[in-house]
C-alpha atoms as a PDB file:
ATOM      1  CA  ALA A   1     -11.399-102.976  80.942  1.00  0.00           C
ATOM      2  CA  GLY A   2     -11.577 -99.377  79.680  1.00  0.00           C
ATOM      3  CA  LEU A   3      -8.886 -98.211  82.075  1.00  0.00           C
ATOM      4  CA  LYS A   4      -6.584-101.051  81.092  1.00  0.00           C
ATOM      5  CA  ALA A   5      -7.097-100.365  77.374  1.00  0.00           C
ATOM      6  CA  ASN A   6      -6.142 -96.721  77.857  1.00  0.00           C
ATOM      7  CA  SER A   7      -3.298 -97.197  80.345  1.00  0.00           C
ATOM      8  CA  GLY A   8      -0.560 -96.673  77.753  1.00  0.00           C
ATOM      9  CA  LEU A   9      -1.901 -93.357  76.466  1.00  0.00           C
ATOM     10  CA  ASP A  10      -0.197 -90.010  76.957  1.00  0.00           C
ATOM     11  CA  PHE A  11      -2.223 -88.231  79.627  1.00  0.00           C
ATOM     12  CA  SER A  12       0.658 -85.951  80.552  1.00  0.00           C
ATOM     13  CA  ARG A  13      -0.097 -82.662  82.224  1.00  0.00           C
ATOM     14  CA  GLU A  14       1.761 -80.863  79.414  1.00  0.00           C
ATOM     15  CA  ARG A  15      -0.471 -82.381  76.748  1.00  0.00           C
ATOM     16  CA  LEU A  16      -3.604 -81.647  78.747  1.00  0.00           C
ATOM     17  CA  GLU A  17      -2.546 -78.056  79.367  1.00  0.00           C
ATOM     18  CA  GLY A  18      -1.646 -77.608  75.697  1.00  0.00           C
ATOM     19  CA  LEU A  19      -5.125 -78.731  74.658  1.00  0.00           C
ATOM     20  CA  MET A  20      -6.761 -76.602  77.341  1.00  0.00           C
ATOM     21  CA  ASP A  21      -4.812 -73.579  76.118  1.00  0.00           C
ATOM     22  CA  PHE A  22      -5.696 -74.308  72.496  1.00  0.00           C
ATOM     23  CA  PHE A  23      -9.396 -74.637  73.308  1.00  0.00           C
ATOM     24  CA  GLU A  24      -9.160 -71.588  75.584  1.00  0.00           C
ATOM     25  CA  LEU A  25     -10.060 -73.184  78.898  1.00  0.00           C
ATOM     26  CA  GLY A  26      -8.575 -71.762  82.090  1.00  0.00           C
ATOM     27  CA  ARG A  27      -6.799 -73.774  84.766  1.00  0.00           C
ATOM     28  CA  ASP A  28      -9.599 -72.853  87.191  1.00  0.00           C
ATOM     29  CA  LEU A  29     -11.649 -75.647  85.572  1.00  0.00           C
ATOM     30  CA  TYR A  30      -9.484 -78.271  87.316  1.00  0.00           C
ATOM     31  CA  GLY A  31     -11.259 -77.759  90.614  1.00  0.00           C
ATOM     32  CA  LYS A  32     -14.781 -77.195  89.327  1.00  0.00           C
ATOM     33  CA  ASP A  33     -17.692 -79.588  89.487  1.00  0.00           C
ATOM     34  CA  VAL A  34     -18.827 -80.597  85.996  1.00  0.00           C
ATOM     35  CA  ALA A  35     -22.371 -79.431  86.802  1.00  0.00           C
ATOM     36  CA  SER A  36     -21.076 -75.883  87.263  1.00  0.00           C
ATOM     37  CA  LEU A  37     -19.488 -75.697  83.789  1.00  0.00           C
ATOM     38  CA  SER A  38     -21.200 -73.870  80.944  1.00  0.00           C
ATOM     39  CA  GLY A  39     -22.378 -75.821  77.928  1.00  0.00           C
ATOM     40  CA  GLY A  40     -19.451 -74.534  75.874  1.00  0.00           C
ATOM     41  CA  GLU A  41     -16.947 -75.501  78.559  1.00  0.00           C
ATOM     42  CA  ARG A  42     -18.450 -78.994  78.719  1.00  0.00           C
ATOM     43  CA  GLN A  43     -18.222 -79.363  74.952  1.00  0.00           C
ATOM     44  CA  ARG A  44     -14.564 -78.368  74.917  1.00  0.00           C
ATOM     45  CA  VAL A  45     -13.744 -80.652  77.871  1.00  0.00           C
ATOM     46  CA  ALA A  46     -15.419 -83.560  76.035  1.00  0.00           C
ATOM     47  CA  ILE A  47     -13.395 -82.784  72.903  1.00  0.00           C
ATOM     48  CA  ILE A  48     -10.173 -82.703  74.924  1.00  0.00           C
ATOM     49  CA  ILE A  49     -10.981 -86.048  76.547  1.00  0.00           C
ATOM     50  CA  ALA A  50     -11.691 -87.585  73.138  1.00  0.00           C
ATOM     51  CA  VAL A  51      -8.421 -86.238  71.725  1.00  0.00           C
ATOM     52  CA  LEU A  52      -6.448 -87.508  74.738  1.00  0.00           C
ATOM     53  CA  LEU A  53      -7.745 -91.006  74.013  1.00  0.00           C
ATOM     54  CA  ASN A  54      -5.705 -90.950  70.761  1.00  0.00           C
ATOM     55  CA  ARG A  55      -8.491 -92.276  68.585  1.00  0.00           C
ATOM     56  CA  LYS A  56      -8.391 -91.905  64.826  1.00  0.00           C
ATOM     57  CA  VAL A  57     -12.178 -91.849  64.372  1.00  0.00           C
ATOM     58  CA  PHE A  58     -14.426 -89.181  65.882  1.00  0.00           C
ATOM     59  CA  LEU A  59     -18.220 -89.091  65.819  1.00  0.00           C
ATOM     60  CA  LEU A  60     -19.342 -85.563  66.653  1.00  0.00           C
ATOM     61  CA  ASP A  61     -22.994 -84.627  67.132  1.00  0.00           C
ATOM     62  CA  GLU A  62     -23.453 -80.848  67.249  1.00  0.00           C
ATOM     63  CA  ALA A  63     -20.069 -80.639  68.967  1.00  0.00           C
ATOM     64  CA  THR A  64     -19.915 -76.857  68.579  1.00  0.00           C
ATOM     65  CA  SER A  65     -23.544 -75.921  69.293  1.00  0.00           C
ATOM     66  CA  ALA A  66     -22.795 -74.113  72.590  1.00  0.00           C
ATOM     67  CA  LEU A  67     -19.717 -72.239  71.351  1.00  0.00           C
ATOM     68  CA  ASP A  68     -19.358 -68.733  69.966  1.00  0.00           C
ATOM     69  CA  LYS A  69     -18.446 -68.285  66.300  1.00  0.00           C
ATOM     70  CA  TYR A  70     -14.722 -67.917  67.008  1.00  0.00           C
ATOM     71  CA  LEU A  71     -14.515 -71.147  69.046  1.00  0.00           C
ATOM     72  CA  LYS A  72     -16.749 -73.006  66.571  1.00  0.00           C
ATOM     73  CA  GLN A  73     -14.290 -72.124  63.829  1.00  0.00           C
ATOM     74  CA  LYS A  74     -11.344 -73.146  65.990  1.00  0.00           C
ATOM     75  CA  VAL A  75     -12.862 -76.573  66.737  1.00  0.00           C
ATOM     76  CA  ALA A  76     -13.881 -77.213  63.118  1.00  0.00           C
ATOM     77  CA  ASP A  77     -10.433 -76.206  61.854  1.00  0.00           C
ATOM     78  CA  PHE A  78      -8.790 -78.398  64.514  1.00  0.00           C
ATOM     79  CA  PHE A  79     -10.617 -81.523  63.370  1.00  0.00           C
ATOM     80  CA  ALA A  80     -10.414 -80.688  59.654  1.00  0.00           C
ATOM     81  CA  GLY A  81      -6.684 -80.114  59.989  1.00  0.00           C
ATOM     82  CA  HIS A  82      -5.972 -83.706  61.001  1.00  0.00           C
ATOM     83  CA  ALA A  83      -5.847 -85.565  57.693  1.00  0.00           C
ATOM     84  CA  ASP A  84      -5.014 -88.796  59.528  1.00  0.00           C
ATOM     85  CA  TRP A  85      -8.356 -88.720  61.385  1.00  0.00           C
ATOM     86  CA  THR A  86     -11.796 -89.746  60.203  1.00  0.00           C
ATOM     87  CA  VAL A  87     -14.352 -87.285  61.545  1.00  0.00           C
ATOM     88  CA  LEU A  88     -18.096 -87.633  61.111  1.00  0.00           C
ATOM     89  CA  SER A  89     -19.649 -84.396  62.314  1.00  0.00           C
ATOM     90  CA  ILE A  90     -23.402 -84.007  62.409  1.00  0.00           C
ATOM     91  CA  SER A  91     -24.117 -80.303  62.388  1.00  0.00           C
ATOM     92  CA  HIS A  92     -26.297 -77.548  61.053  1.00  0.00           C
ATOM     93  CA  ASP A  93     -23.562 -75.045  61.724  1.00  0.00           C
ATOM     94  CA  PRO A  94     -22.158 -73.172  58.702  1.00  0.00           C
ATOM     95  CA  VAL A  95     -18.666 -73.294  60.205  1.00  0.00           C
ATOM     96  CA  TRP A  96     -18.525 -76.978  59.231  1.00  0.00           C
ATOM     97  CA  LEU A  97     -20.346 -76.553  55.946  1.00  0.00           C
ATOM     98  CA  GLU A  98     -18.097 -73.745  54.725  1.00  0.00           C
ATOM     99  CA  ASN A  99     -14.763 -75.341  55.627  1.00  0.00           C
ATOM    100  CA  PRO A 100     -12.940 -76.268  52.386  1.00  0.00           C
ATOM    101  CA  LEU A 101     -11.379 -79.333  54.045  1.00  0.00           C
ATOM    102  CA  VAL A 102     -14.776 -80.772  54.994  1.00  0.00           C
ATOM    103  CA  ARG A 103     -16.788 -83.032  52.697  1.00  0.00           C
ATOM    104  CA  VAL A 104     -20.502 -82.524  53.259  1.00  0.00           C
ATOM    105  CA  PHE A 105     -23.182 -85.156  52.760  1.00  0.00           C
ATOM    106  CA  ASP A 106     -26.706 -83.742  52.713  1.00  0.00           C
ATOM    107  CA  LEU A 107     -29.001 -86.325  54.300  1.00  0.00           C
ATOM    108  CA  GLU A 108     -32.184 -84.749  52.963  1.00  0.00           C
ATOM    109  CA  GLU A 109     -30.876 -84.683  49.389  1.00  0.00           C
ATOM    110  CA  ARG A 110     -28.938 -87.924  49.873  1.00  0.00           C
ATOM    111  CA  GLN A 111     -25.882 -86.668  48.062  1.00  0.00           C
ATOM    112  CA  TRP A 112     -22.432 -85.220  48.567  1.00  0.00           C
ATOM    113  CA  LYS A 113     -22.201 -81.433  48.276  1.00  0.00           C
ATOM    114  CA  GLN A 114     -19.543 -79.827  46.126  1.00  0.00           C
END
């Protein structure tokens, strides 16, 4: 059922390569076993797969935890820059907290941050 539901989506090589370039993943990943990928590579591959599915709602749980500061910022800016998406990101990372486009809800204080 999942394959049928996604059969009309754009999985073109150009779109895939564009996302891989944006998230700074080399073409050498095409032939690699998933088990051999680093944690950061796996996170970026998972993000690319989610984006290719053309969803409008994303639930991210520490989606940038294995990335360096530069890539964390790139991922956070990517998701924050899509006003037509709803993104719920669970993170302790300041890159999400400091982004002016991100609304932060503090679970411990049970309130929205300004």
